[in-house]
Amino acid sequence: LPAEYAFVARAISQMTGVGKTLDSDFDFISSAAPYMVEIQGADMYMQEEAQKVMLKVQKEIVGFQSKLLGQRFGNFNRRDETRMG
């Protein structure tokens, strides 16, 4: 875990504690989310979300192809065995 992430996690936990002390209904993550998108940039945020969706779709396609090829080669191998036998 890089040191920067540890520092960010510590800062978030401290901000959450201070916020909860002042207001018991305070949720730091929900409050900070819109600003995180603004700081990071909407373009960068959208790009990351699109990459996540594309990765999910690619995994589904690979799974479908594997299943389809497994069925095709499974049938092909059974036919070869009957011809050879």
C-alpha atoms as a PDB file:
ATOM      1  CA  LEU A   1       0.000   0.000   0.000  1.00  0.00           C
ATOM      2  CA  PRO A   2       1.634   3.242  -1.093  1.00  0.00           C
ATOM      3  CA  ALA A   3       2.093   5.843   1.624  1.00  0.00           C
ATOM      4  CA  GLU A   4      -0.129   8.344  -0.212  1.00  0.00           C
ATOM      5  CA  TYR A   5      -3.120   6.009   0.060  1.00  0.00           C
ATOM      6  CA  ALA A   6      -2.518   5.505   3.760  1.00  0.00           C
ATOM      7  CA  PHE A   7      -2.401   9.278   4.297  1.00  0.00           C
ATOM      8  CA  VAL A   8      -5.610   9.781   2.302  1.00  0.00           C
ATOM      9  CA  ALA A   9      -7.367   7.014   4.255  1.00  0.00           C
ATOM     10  CA  ARG A  10      -6.242   8.577   7.522  1.00  0.00           C
ATOM     11  CA  ALA A  11      -7.444  12.037   6.445  1.00  0.00           C
ATOM     12  CA  ILE A  12     -10.817  10.641   5.369  1.00  0.00           C
ATOM     13  CA  SER A  13     -11.227   8.835   8.667  1.00  0.00           C
ATOM     14  CA  GLN A  14     -10.377  12.009  10.602  1.00  0.00           C
ATOM     15  CA  MET A  15     -12.778  14.109   8.519  1.00  0.00           C
ATOM     16  CA  THR A  16     -15.497  11.522   9.065  1.00  0.00           C
ATOM     17  CA  GLY A  17     -14.868  11.595  12.819  1.00  0.00           C
ATOM     18  CA  VAL A  18     -14.987  15.380  12.993  1.00  0.00           C
ATOM     19  CA  GLY A  19     -18.135  15.460  10.852  1.00  0.00           C
ATOM     20  CA  LYS A  20     -19.873  12.817  12.988  1.00  0.00           C
ATOM     21  CA  THR A  21     -18.945  14.733  16.142  1.00  0.00           C
ATOM     22  CA  LEU A  22     -20.557  17.902  14.806  1.00  0.00           C
ATOM     23  CA  ASP A  23     -23.522  16.186  13.125  1.00  0.00           C
ATOM     24  CA  SER A  24     -24.424  12.542  13.802  1.00  0.00           C
ATOM     25  CA  ASP A  25     -26.061  12.205  10.351  1.00  0.00           C
ATOM     26  CA  PHE A  26     -22.943  13.412   8.521  1.00  0.00           C
ATOM     27  CA  ASP A  27     -21.614  11.124   5.752  1.00  0.00           C
ATOM     28  CA  PHE A  28     -18.238  12.313   4.474  1.00  0.00           C
ATOM     29  CA  ILE A  29     -18.148  10.098   1.367  1.00  0.00           C
ATOM     30  CA  SER A  30     -21.602  11.222   0.191  1.00  0.00           C
ATOM     31  CA  SER A  31     -20.696  14.836   0.866  1.00  0.00           C
ATOM     32  CA  ALA A  32     -17.320  14.658  -0.874  1.00  0.00           C
ATOM     33  CA  ALA A  33     -18.326  12.598  -3.950  1.00  0.00           C
ATOM     34  CA  PRO A  34     -19.474  15.527  -6.122  1.00  0.00           C
ATOM     35  CA  TYR A  35     -16.243  17.408  -5.401  1.00  0.00           C
ATOM     36  CA  MET A  36     -14.111  14.363  -6.139  1.00  0.00           C
ATOM     37  CA  VAL A  37     -15.589  14.214  -9.631  1.00  0.00           C
ATOM     38  CA  GLU A  38     -14.946  17.940 -10.008  1.00  0.00           C
ATOM     39  CA  ILE A  39     -11.346  17.666  -8.810  1.00  0.00           C
ATOM     40  CA  GLN A  40     -10.614  14.556 -10.813  1.00  0.00           C
ATOM     41  CA  GLY A  41     -12.417  15.961 -13.799  1.00  0.00           C
ATOM     42  CA  ALA A  42     -15.622  14.737 -15.338  1.00  0.00           C
ATOM     43  CA  ASP A  43     -13.788  13.500 -18.434  1.00  0.00           C
ATOM     44  CA  MET A  44     -11.417  11.355 -16.396  1.00  0.00           C
ATOM     45  CA  TYR A  45     -14.287  10.028 -14.276  1.00  0.00           C
ATOM     46  CA  MET A  46     -16.336   9.113 -17.347  1.00  0.00           C
ATOM     47  CA  GLN A  47     -13.318   7.477 -18.972  1.00  0.00           C
ATOM     48  CA  GLU A  48     -12.719   5.290 -15.917  1.00  0.00           C
ATOM     49  CA  GLU A  49     -16.384   4.310 -15.718  1.00  0.00           C
ATOM     50  CA  ALA A  50     -16.427   3.466 -19.436  1.00  0.00           C
ATOM     51  CA  GLN A  51     -13.330   1.305 -18.978  1.00  0.00           C
ATOM     52  CA  LYS A  52     -15.039  -0.590 -16.162  1.00  0.00           C
ATOM     53  CA  VAL A  53     -18.087  -1.246 -18.333  1.00  0.00           C
ATOM     54  CA  MET A  54     -15.948  -2.336 -21.292  1.00  0.00           C
ATOM     55  CA  LEU A  55     -13.951  -4.723 -19.105  1.00  0.00           C
ATOM     56  CA  LYS A  56     -17.169  -6.284 -17.843  1.00  0.00           C
ATOM     57  CA  VAL A  57     -18.481  -6.693 -21.391  1.00  0.00           C
ATOM     58  CA  GLN A  58     -15.175  -8.191 -22.554  1.00  0.00           C
ATOM     59  CA  LYS A  59     -15.280 -10.746 -19.727  1.00  0.00           C
ATOM     60  CA  GLU A  60     -18.837 -11.709 -20.690  1.00  0.00           C
ATOM     61  CA  ILE A  61     -17.825 -12.101 -24.349  1.00  0.00           C
ATOM     62  CA  VAL A  62     -14.815 -14.249 -23.468  1.00  0.00           C
ATOM     63  CA  GLY A  63     -16.995 -16.416 -21.237  1.00  0.00           C
ATOM     64  CA  PHE A  64     -19.553 -16.842 -24.013  1.00  0.00           C
ATOM     65  CA  GLN A  65     -16.848 -17.660 -26.568  1.00  0.00           C
ATOM     66  CA  SER A  66     -15.257 -20.196 -24.234  1.00  0.00           C
ATOM     67  CA  LYS A  67     -18.597 -21.859 -23.637  1.00  0.00           C
ATOM     68  CA  LEU A  68     -19.418 -21.909 -27.346  1.00  0.00           C
ATOM     69  CA  LEU A  69     -15.998 -23.259 -28.332  1.00  0.00           C
ATOM     70  CA  GLY A  70     -16.166 -25.845 -25.571  1.00  0.00           C
ATOM     71  CA  GLN A  71     -19.477 -27.082 -26.923  1.00  0.00           C
ATOM     72  CA  ARG A  72     -18.192 -27.140 -30.523  1.00  0.00           C
ATOM     73  CA  PHE A  73     -14.924 -28.900 -29.735  1.00  0.00           C
ATOM     74  CA  GLY A  74     -16.664 -31.264 -27.343  1.00  0.00           C
ATOM     75  CA  ASN A  75     -19.024 -32.378 -30.152  1.00  0.00           C
ATOM     76  CA  PHE A  76     -16.141 -32.558 -32.632  1.00  0.00           C
ATOM     77  CA  ASN A  77     -14.088 -34.790 -30.345  1.00  0.00           C
ATOM     78  CA  ARG A  78     -17.014 -37.152 -29.780  1.00  0.00           C
ATOM     79  CA  ARG A  79     -17.492 -37.551 -33.557  1.00  0.00           C
ATOM     80  CA  ASP A  80     -13.790 -38.281 -34.026  1.00  0.00           C
ATOM     81  CA  GLU A  81     -13.885 -40.944 -31.333  1.00  0.00           C
ATOM     82  CA  THR A  82     -16.821 -42.739 -32.992  1.00  0.00           C
ATOM     83  CA  ARG A  83     -15.075 -42.651 -36.405  1.00  0.00           C
ATOM     84  CA  MET A  84     -11.860 -44.017 -34.974  1.00  0.00           C
ATOM     85  CA  GLY A  85     -13.541 -46.673 -32.821  1.00  0.00           C
END
